[in-house]
Amino acid sequence: MGGFYELDPLIQGCSLQAGNAVPPVTSACDRCHGEAKIPSGKRLRGLLESNLGMKTRHKTVLPTRAEMRILRALWDVGQGTVEDVINQHSPSARPNYKTTQTILRIMEQKGLVRHESRGRVFVFHPCVSREKIGRLSVRTLLHQTFGGRPTELLVNLLETSDVDENDLRELESLIRNFRKQKSSDAK
């Protein structure tokens, strides 16, 4: 149903019934809650997480360059405060504290990091691994640039990079092992 949300009754005794279609702006639950605004998107996710302790799944998105710098720093240290993240960069390339803090908040909304309070500071933890972001990056590049054709991606990589004999042997070995694995999985 376009423009309507399917709601589960989140509050015991609410007159909204599971599966009732409710317009996105107001609810029909005026008996127990009055004319209530029904949040959607990020606002709904935030309300569910903060008020009801419900965790919602974030679709992993590709981080921006600035977000990648922060993720690399967090992957290197495992967890850290804003100050820890800043100190992971070389002194000549250290980002601004407030900018880093703002980017971390945006990353938290995207589901890339989470934080826990320790006294008066927030300690941030990465929610995505290097491997997951690497796979997502390659998948995005493959589909957006090479029309989903792995051969074109590999040929382009080989033609534009300095690939020595050791790298070529390693690639050939990986391809052979992948074929063996795939054929044994098919049986």
Protein backbone atom coordinates (compact mmCIF):
# COMPACT_ATOMS: atom_id res chain seq x y z
CA MET A 1 0.00 0.00 0.00
CA GLY A 2 1.69 3.18 -1.13
CA GLY A 3 1.96 5.88 1.53
CA PHE A 4 0.90 3.65 4.43
CA TYR A 5 2.91 1.88 7.12
CA GLU A 6 2.19 -1.52 8.55
CA LEU A 7 2.50 -1.10 12.33
CA ASP A 8 2.85 -3.57 15.15
CA PRO A 9 1.39 -2.44 18.44
CA LEU A 10 4.51 -1.28 20.28
CA ILE A 11 2.69 -0.35 23.46
CA GLN A 12 0.53 -2.82 25.39
CA GLY A 13 -3.14 -1.87 25.32
CA CYS A 14 -2.82 0.32 22.23
CA SER A 15 -5.87 0.21 19.98
CA LEU A 16 -3.65 -0.06 16.88
CA GLN A 17 -3.73 -3.66 15.75
CA ALA A 18 -0.88 -5.40 13.98
CA GLY A 19 -1.23 -5.14 10.23
CA ASN A 20 -3.61 -2.15 10.24
CA ALA A 21 -2.72 0.34 7.53
CA VAL A 22 -2.11 3.77 9.03
CA PRO A 23 -1.38 6.96 7.12
CA PRO A 24 2.24 8.10 7.57
CA VAL A 25 1.36 11.41 9.27
CA THR A 26 -1.21 10.57 11.96
CA SER A 27 -2.47 7.43 13.60
CA ALA A 28 -5.98 6.22 14.18
CA CYS A 29 -5.05 5.54 17.78
CA ASP A 30 -6.77 8.53 19.34
CA ARG A 31 -8.37 6.58 22.20
CA CYS A 32 -5.13 5.84 24.07
CA HIS A 33 -2.65 8.26 22.52
CA GLY A 34 -4.63 11.08 20.97
CA GLU A 35 -3.82 12.24 17.45
CA ALA A 36 -0.25 10.95 17.32
CA LYS A 37 2.42 11.68 14.74
CA ILE A 38 3.97 8.51 13.39
CA PRO A 39 7.69 8.92 12.76
CA SER A 40 9.36 7.16 9.89
CA GLY A 41 12.86 6.43 8.61
CA LYS A 42 15.79 7.57 10.74
CA ARG A 43 13.52 9.14 13.35
CA LEU A 44 11.58 5.90 13.87
CA ARG A 45 14.81 3.90 14.04
CA GLY A 46 16.20 6.29 16.66
CA LEU A 47 13.02 6.12 18.75
CA LEU A 48 12.92 2.34 18.64
CA GLU A 49 16.57 2.06 19.64
CA SER A 50 16.62 4.71 22.37
CA ASN A 51 13.17 4.29 23.95
CA LEU A 52 12.41 0.63 23.52
CA GLY A 53 15.93 -0.82 23.39
CA MET A 54 15.17 -2.39 20.02
CA LYS A 55 18.05 -2.75 17.62
CA THR A 56 17.32 -2.13 13.97
CA ARG A 57 19.43 -3.38 11.08
CA HIS A 58 21.26 -0.85 8.98
CA LYS A 59 21.91 -1.54 5.35
CA THR A 60 25.67 -1.21 5.01
CA VAL A 61 26.57 1.71 2.81
CA LEU A 62 29.93 2.58 1.32
CA PRO A 63 31.76 5.00 3.58
CA THR A 64 32.94 8.35 2.23
CA ARG A 65 36.70 9.10 2.10
CA ALA A 66 36.57 10.86 5.46
CA GLU A 67 34.59 7.98 6.98
CA MET A 68 37.13 5.49 5.59
CA ARG A 69 39.98 7.39 7.27
CA ILE A 70 38.14 7.10 10.57
CA LEU A 71 37.27 3.43 10.03
CA ARG A 72 40.91 2.62 9.25
CA ALA A 73 41.95 4.30 12.49
CA LEU A 74 39.32 2.37 14.48
CA TRP A 75 40.25 -0.92 12.79
CA ASP A 76 43.89 -0.29 13.74
CA VAL A 77 43.16 0.44 17.42
CA GLY A 78 40.02 -1.71 17.79
CA GLN A 79 38.13 1.01 19.64
CA GLY A 80 38.81 4.59 20.56
CA THR A 81 37.71 8.04 21.56
CA VAL A 82 37.63 10.97 19.15
CA GLU A 83 41.09 11.88 20.43
CA ASP A 84 42.37 8.34 19.76
CA VAL A 85 41.04 8.48 16.19
CA ILE A 86 42.71 11.85 15.59
CA ASN A 87 46.03 10.65 17.01
CA GLN A 88 46.09 7.70 14.58
CA HIS A 89 46.78 10.19 11.77
CA SER A 90 50.20 11.69 11.14
CA PRO A 91 50.72 15.07 12.87
CA SER A 92 50.67 16.91 9.56
CA ALA A 93 47.37 15.31 8.48
CA ARG A 94 45.41 15.29 11.74
CA PRO A 95 41.74 16.12 11.23
CA ASN A 96 39.86 18.70 13.29
CA TYR A 97 38.35 17.41 16.56
CA LYS A 98 34.82 18.77 15.97
CA THR A 99 34.82 17.58 12.35
CA THR A 100 35.87 14.09 13.45
CA GLN A 101 33.22 14.09 16.17
CA THR A 102 30.53 15.10 13.65
CA ILE A 103 31.61 12.46 11.14
CA LEU A 104 31.55 9.80 13.86
CA ARG A 105 27.95 10.77 14.71
CA ILE A 106 26.97 10.50 11.04
CA MET A 107 28.74 7.14 10.83
CA GLU A 108 26.80 5.98 13.87
CA GLN A 109 23.52 6.88 12.16
CA LYS A 110 24.65 4.88 9.12
CA GLY A 111 25.48 1.88 11.29
CA LEU A 112 29.21 1.99 10.56
CA VAL A 113 30.23 2.61 14.20
CA ARG A 114 28.65 2.50 17.63
CA HIS A 115 29.64 4.09 20.90
CA GLU A 116 29.56 3.39 24.58
CA SER A 117 29.88 5.97 27.33
CA ARG A 118 32.84 5.71 29.68
CA GLY A 119 32.54 8.50 32.14
CA ARG A 120 32.47 11.72 30.18
CA VAL A 121 33.85 10.31 26.93
CA PHE A 122 32.40 8.21 24.15
CA VAL A 123 34.39 5.19 23.03
CA PHE A 124 33.66 4.27 19.43
CA HIS A 125 33.75 0.76 17.97
CA PRO A 126 33.60 -0.19 14.28
CA CYS A 127 30.44 -2.12 13.36
CA VAL A 128 31.77 -3.24 9.99
CA SER A 129 34.92 -5.14 9.18
CA ARG A 130 37.61 -4.28 6.65
CA GLU A 131 36.59 -7.38 4.74
CA LYS A 132 32.92 -6.41 4.57
CA ILE A 133 33.72 -2.90 3.32
CA GLY A 134 36.27 -4.35 0.89
CA ARG A 135 33.72 -6.78 -0.56
CA LEU A 136 31.07 -4.06 -0.76
CA SER A 137 33.53 -1.69 -2.48
CA VAL A 138 34.53 -4.29 -5.06
CA ARG A 139 30.91 -5.33 -5.65
CA THR A 140 29.90 -1.69 -6.16
CA LEU A 141 32.84 -1.03 -8.50
CA LEU A 142 32.11 -4.23 -10.41
CA HIS A 143 28.46 -3.39 -11.01
CA GLN A 144 28.71 0.37 -11.49
CA THR A 145 31.81 0.48 -13.66
CA PHE A 146 32.10 -2.93 -15.31
CA GLY A 147 28.45 -3.94 -15.71
CA GLY A 148 28.86 -6.84 -13.29
CA ARG A 149 31.50 -8.56 -15.46
CA PRO A 150 34.43 -9.78 -13.29
CA THR A 151 36.63 -10.49 -16.32
CA GLU A 152 36.55 -6.84 -17.35
CA LEU A 153 37.44 -5.76 -13.82
CA LEU A 154 40.38 -8.16 -13.65
CA VAL A 155 41.68 -7.26 -17.12
CA ASN A 156 41.46 -3.57 -16.26
CA LEU A 157 43.30 -4.18 -12.99
CA LEU A 158 46.06 -6.12 -14.75
CA GLU A 159 46.45 -3.52 -17.51
CA THR A 160 46.56 -0.49 -15.20
CA SER A 161 48.64 -1.87 -12.32
CA ASP A 162 52.25 -2.90 -11.94
CA VAL A 163 51.75 -6.63 -11.51
CA ASP A 164 54.97 -8.60 -11.15
CA GLU A 165 55.53 -12.32 -11.80
CA ASN A 166 54.98 -13.25 -8.14
CA ASP A 167 51.60 -11.52 -8.13
CA LEU A 168 50.61 -13.27 -11.36
CA ARG A 169 51.61 -16.69 -9.95
CA GLU A 170 49.64 -15.95 -6.79
CA LEU A 171 46.58 -14.92 -8.81
CA GLU A 172 46.81 -18.08 -10.93
CA SER A 173 47.08 -20.20 -7.79
CA LEU A 174 44.08 -18.45 -6.22
CA ILE A 175 42.02 -19.02 -9.38
CA ARG A 176 43.00 -22.74 -9.46
CA ASN A 177 42.10 -23.14 -5.77
CA PHE A 178 38.83 -21.30 -6.29
CA ARG A 179 37.93 -23.65 -9.18
CA LYS A 180 38.73 -26.72 -7.05
CA GLN A 181 36.67 -25.37 -4.17
CA LYS A 182 33.75 -24.53 -6.43
CA SER A 183 33.76 -27.94 -8.13
CA SER A 184 33.94 -29.77 -4.78
CA ASP A 185 31.08 -27.64 -3.41
CA ALA A 186 28.95 -28.50 -6.45
CA LYS A 187 29.28 -32.26 -5.75
